[in-house]
C-alpha atoms as a PDB file:
ATOM      1  CA  MET A   1    -117.711-191.528 103.324  1.00  0.00           C
ATOM      2  CA  THR A   2    -118.251-192.652 107.143  1.00  0.00           C
ATOM      3  CA  ILE A   3    -120.976-190.979 109.516  1.00  0.00           C
ATOM      4  CA  ASP A   4    -120.190-191.420 113.159  1.00  0.00           C
ATOM      5  CA  ILE A   5    -122.647-193.076 115.200  1.00  0.00           C
ATOM      6  CA  SER A   6    -122.989-190.106 117.715  1.00  0.00           C
ATOM      7  CA  VAL A   7    -124.433-188.162 114.540  1.00  0.00           C
ATOM      8  CA  ARG A   8    -126.973-190.985 113.904  1.00  0.00           C
ATOM      9  CA  THR A   9    -127.978-191.099 117.273  1.00  0.00           C
ATOM     10  CA  GLN A  10    -128.361-187.180 117.427  1.00  0.00           C
ATOM     11  CA  GLN A  11    -130.689-187.773 114.328  1.00  0.00           C
ATOM     12  CA  LEU A  12    -132.661-190.400 115.911  1.00  0.00           C
ATOM     13  CA  GLU A  13    -132.989-188.075 118.789  1.00  0.00           C
ATOM     14  CA  GLU A  14    -134.317-185.353 116.625  1.00  0.00           C
ATOM     15  CA  LEU A  15    -136.549-187.684 115.005  1.00  0.00           C
ATOM     16  CA  GLN A  16    -138.048-189.004 118.480  1.00  0.00           C
ATOM     17  CA  LYS A  17    -138.419-185.392 119.722  1.00  0.00           C
ATOM     18  CA  ALA A  18    -140.576-184.702 116.597  1.00  0.00           C
ATOM     19  CA  LEU A  19    -142.792-188.071 116.878  1.00  0.00           C
ATOM     20  CA  MET A  20    -143.741-187.523 120.734  1.00  0.00           C
ATOM     21  CA  PRO A  21    -145.776-184.226 120.140  1.00  0.00           C
ATOM     22  CA  LEU A  22    -147.045-185.845 116.534  1.00  0.00           C
ATOM     23  CA  CYS A  23    -148.237-188.792 118.479  1.00  0.00           C
ATOM     24  CA  GLU A  24    -149.487-186.456 121.333  1.00  0.00           C
ATOM     25  CA  LEU A  25    -151.770-184.563 118.774  1.00  0.00           C
ATOM     26  CA  LEU A  26    -153.107-187.846 117.198  1.00  0.00           C
ATOM     27  CA  ARG A  27    -154.285-189.091 120.638  1.00  0.00           C
ATOM     28  CA  LEU A  28    -156.347-185.938 120.807  1.00  0.00           C
ATOM     29  CA  ASP A  29    -158.054-186.700 117.602  1.00  0.00           C
ATOM     30  CA  LYS A  30    -160.438-189.317 116.808  1.00  0.00           C
ATOM     31  CA  PRO A  31    -158.912-192.843 116.547  1.00  0.00           C
ATOM     32  CA  THR A  32    -157.012-193.213 113.112  1.00  0.00           C
ATOM     33  CA  TYR A  33    -154.482-195.639 111.635  1.00  0.00           C
ATOM     34  CA  TRP A  34    -152.123-192.851 111.625  1.00  0.00           C
ATOM     35  CA  LEU A  35    -152.010-192.996 115.630  1.00  0.00           C
ATOM     36  CA  ALA A  36    -150.888-196.652 115.510  1.00  0.00           C
ATOM     37  CA  HIS A  37    -148.622-196.180 112.506  1.00  0.00           C
ATOM     38  CA  PHE A  38    -146.347-192.949 114.438  1.00  0.00           C
ATOM     39  CA  GLU A  39    -146.508-194.729 117.731  1.00  0.00           C
ATOM     40  CA  HIS A  40    -144.735-197.687 116.340  1.00  0.00           C
ATOM     41  CA  CYS A  41    -142.406-195.597 114.596  1.00  0.00           C
ATOM     42  CA  LEU A  42    -141.907-193.589 118.293  1.00  0.00           C
ATOM     43  CA  GLN A  43    -141.288-197.420 119.832  1.00  0.00           C
ATOM     44  CA  THR A  44    -138.867-198.446 117.195  1.00  0.00           C
ATOM     45  CA  THR A  45    -136.788-195.047 117.662  1.00  0.00           C
ATOM     46  CA  ASP A  46    -136.989-195.464 121.849  1.00  0.00           C
ATOM     47  CA  GLN A  47    -135.908-199.098 120.842  1.00  0.00           C
ATOM     48  CA  PHE A  48    -132.862-198.035 118.732  1.00  0.00           C
ATOM     49  CA  LEU A  49    -131.654-195.617 121.318  1.00  0.00           C
ATOM     50  CA  ALA A  50    -131.692-197.743 123.993  1.00  0.00           C
ATOM     51  CA  HIS A  51    -130.678-201.060 122.389  1.00  0.00           C
ATOM     52  CA  GLY A  52    -128.250-199.653 119.218  1.00  0.00           C
ATOM     53  CA  PHE A  53    -128.993-199.641 115.474  1.00  0.00           C
ATOM     54  CA  ASP A  54    -127.340-200.204 111.992  1.00  0.00           C
ATOM     55  CA  GLN A  55    -127.596-198.164 108.778  1.00  0.00           C
ATOM     56  CA  THR A  56    -130.172-200.885 107.561  1.00  0.00           C
ATOM     57  CA  SER A  57    -132.470-200.369 110.395  1.00  0.00           C
ATOM     58  CA  LEU A  58    -132.387-196.706 110.222  1.00  0.00           C
ATOM     59  CA  ASN A  59    -133.146-197.141 106.671  1.00  0.00           C
ATOM     60  CA  GLU A  60    -136.351-199.175 107.289  1.00  0.00           C
ATOM     61  CA  LEU A  61    -137.022-196.940 109.928  1.00  0.00           C
ATOM     62  CA  SER A  62    -137.019-193.702 107.809  1.00  0.00           C
ATOM     63  CA  ILE A  63    -138.728-195.723 104.926  1.00  0.00           C
ATOM     64  CA  SER A  64    -141.492-196.525 107.466  1.00  0.00           C
ATOM     65  CA  VAL A  65    -141.786-193.192 108.414  1.00  0.00           C
ATOM     66  CA  ARG A  66    -142.036-191.515 105.191  1.00  0.00           C
ATOM     67  CA  ASN A  67    -143.805-194.105 103.492  1.00  0.00           C
ATOM     68  CA  VAL A  68    -147.138-192.674 104.537  1.00  0.00           C
ATOM     69  CA  PHE A  69    -146.763-189.329 102.697  1.00  0.00           C
ATOM     70  CA  GLY A  70    -147.548-188.439  99.726  1.00  0.00           C
ATOM     71  CA  GLY A  71    -150.376-189.577  97.433  1.00  0.00           C
ATOM     72  CA  MET A  72    -154.129-189.714  97.684  1.00  0.00           C
ATOM     73  CA  GLY A  73    -155.218-190.782 101.155  1.00  0.00           C
ATOM     74  CA  SER A  74    -152.027-190.542 102.716  1.00  0.00           C
ATOM     75  CA  PHE A  75    -150.921-188.477 105.776  1.00  0.00           C
ATOM     76  CA  ASN A  76    -150.823-185.593 103.636  1.00  0.00           C
ATOM     77  CA  ASP A  77    -154.527-185.235 103.958  1.00  0.00           C
ATOM     78  CA  TYR A  78    -154.841-185.341 107.704  1.00  0.00           C
ATOM     79  CA  VAL A  79    -156.509-182.251 109.228  1.00  0.00           C
ATOM     80  CA  PRO A  80    -155.418-182.076 112.679  1.00  0.00           C
ATOM     81  CA  PRO A  81    -158.023-181.373 115.324  1.00  0.00           C
ATOM     82  CA  MET A  82    -159.410-177.729 115.979  1.00  0.00           C
ATOM     83  CA  LYS A  83    -158.130-175.885 118.809  1.00  0.00           C
ATOM     84  CA  THR A  84    -160.328-177.091 121.707  1.00  0.00           C
ATOM     85  CA  LYS A  85    -160.285-176.992 125.310  1.00  0.00           C
ATOM     86  CA  GLU A  86    -158.669-180.629 125.169  1.00  0.00           C
ATOM     87  CA  SER A  87    -156.403-179.618 122.593  1.00  0.00           C
ATOM     88  CA  SER A  88    -155.236-176.056 123.704  1.00  0.00           C
ATOM     89  CA  ALA A  89    -152.218-177.250 125.842  1.00  0.00           C
ATOM     90  CA  TRP A  90    -150.943-178.684 122.832  1.00  0.00           C
ATOM     91  CA  TYR A  91    -151.316-176.034 120.950  1.00  0.00           C
ATOM     92  CA  GLN A  92    -149.902-173.818 123.479  1.00  0.00           C
ATOM     93  CA  LYS A  93    -146.715-175.747 123.826  1.00  0.00           C
ATOM     94  CA  TYR A  94    -146.329-176.651 119.858  1.00  0.00           C
ATOM     95  CA  ASP A  95    -148.554-173.865 117.870  1.00  0.00           C
ATOM     96  CA  ASN A  96    -148.597-175.549 114.524  1.00  0.00           C
ATOM     97  CA  PRO A  97    -149.346-179.252 113.764  1.00  0.00           C
ATOM     98  CA  GLU A  98    -147.966-178.699 110.288  1.00  0.00           C
ATOM     99  CA  ASN A  99    -144.359-177.581 111.686  1.00  0.00           C
ATOM    100  CA  ILE A 100    -144.138-180.540 113.841  1.00  0.00           C
ATOM    101  CA  ILE A 101    -145.397-183.091 110.788  1.00  0.00           C
ATOM    102  CA  GLY A 102    -142.500-181.339 108.567  1.00  0.00           C
ATOM    103  CA  LEU A 103    -139.953-181.823 111.476  1.00  0.00           C
ATOM    104  CA  VAL A 104    -141.156-185.770 111.585  1.00  0.00           C
ATOM    105  CA  TYR A 105    -140.629-186.231 107.546  1.00  0.00           C
ATOM    106  CA  SER A 106    -137.379-184.257 107.568  1.00  0.00           C
ATOM    107  CA  ASN A 107    -135.860-185.940 110.537  1.00  0.00           C
ATOM    108  CA  ALA A 108    -136.871-189.287 109.066  1.00  0.00           C
ATOM    109  CA  LEU A 109    -135.331-188.261 105.662  1.00  0.00           C
ATOM    110  CA  ASN A 110    -131.817-187.385 107.472  1.00  0.00           C
ATOM    111  CA  LEU A 111    -131.664-191.024 108.480  1.00  0.00           C
ATOM    112  CA  MET A 112    -130.934-192.372 105.165  1.00  0.00           C
ATOM    113  CA  VAL A 113    -127.736-193.375 104.074  1.00  0.00           C
ATOM    114  CA  VAL A 114    -125.353-190.718 102.762  1.00  0.00           C
ATOM    115  CA  GLY A 115    -122.277-192.690 103.988  1.00  0.00           C
ATOM    116  CA  VAL A 116    -121.877-195.614 106.043  1.00  0.00           C
ATOM    117  CA  CYS A 117    -122.597-195.556 109.651  1.00  0.00           C
ATOM    118  CA  HIS A 118    -119.419-195.879 111.597  1.00  0.00           C
ATOM    119  CA  GLY A 119    -119.036-196.447 115.435  1.00  0.00           C
END
């Protein structure tokens, strides 16, 4: 089974759209490792969209994004900042951090091989 490059591009765009608000939220919080990790994932996504990618690169990105989920001390334990004056605009725009976090994970999972990327 082959997967058209346009499908993978759309999947990358969906991941990008989920990573952007997650990074915005993490910037509102005290500095953590998570911000650096997800900003790196966003930069990688941006680079792939600008310069191209292959399936191996998508697999590596997917694993990198999803690697921080699961287990003690993982991103699953992250508690988003409370709704404050500084974060109220984010909450008005995106409402629920858990939804954004779930989208990041599921959109990264979508990049994994279920066929061969074909351009």
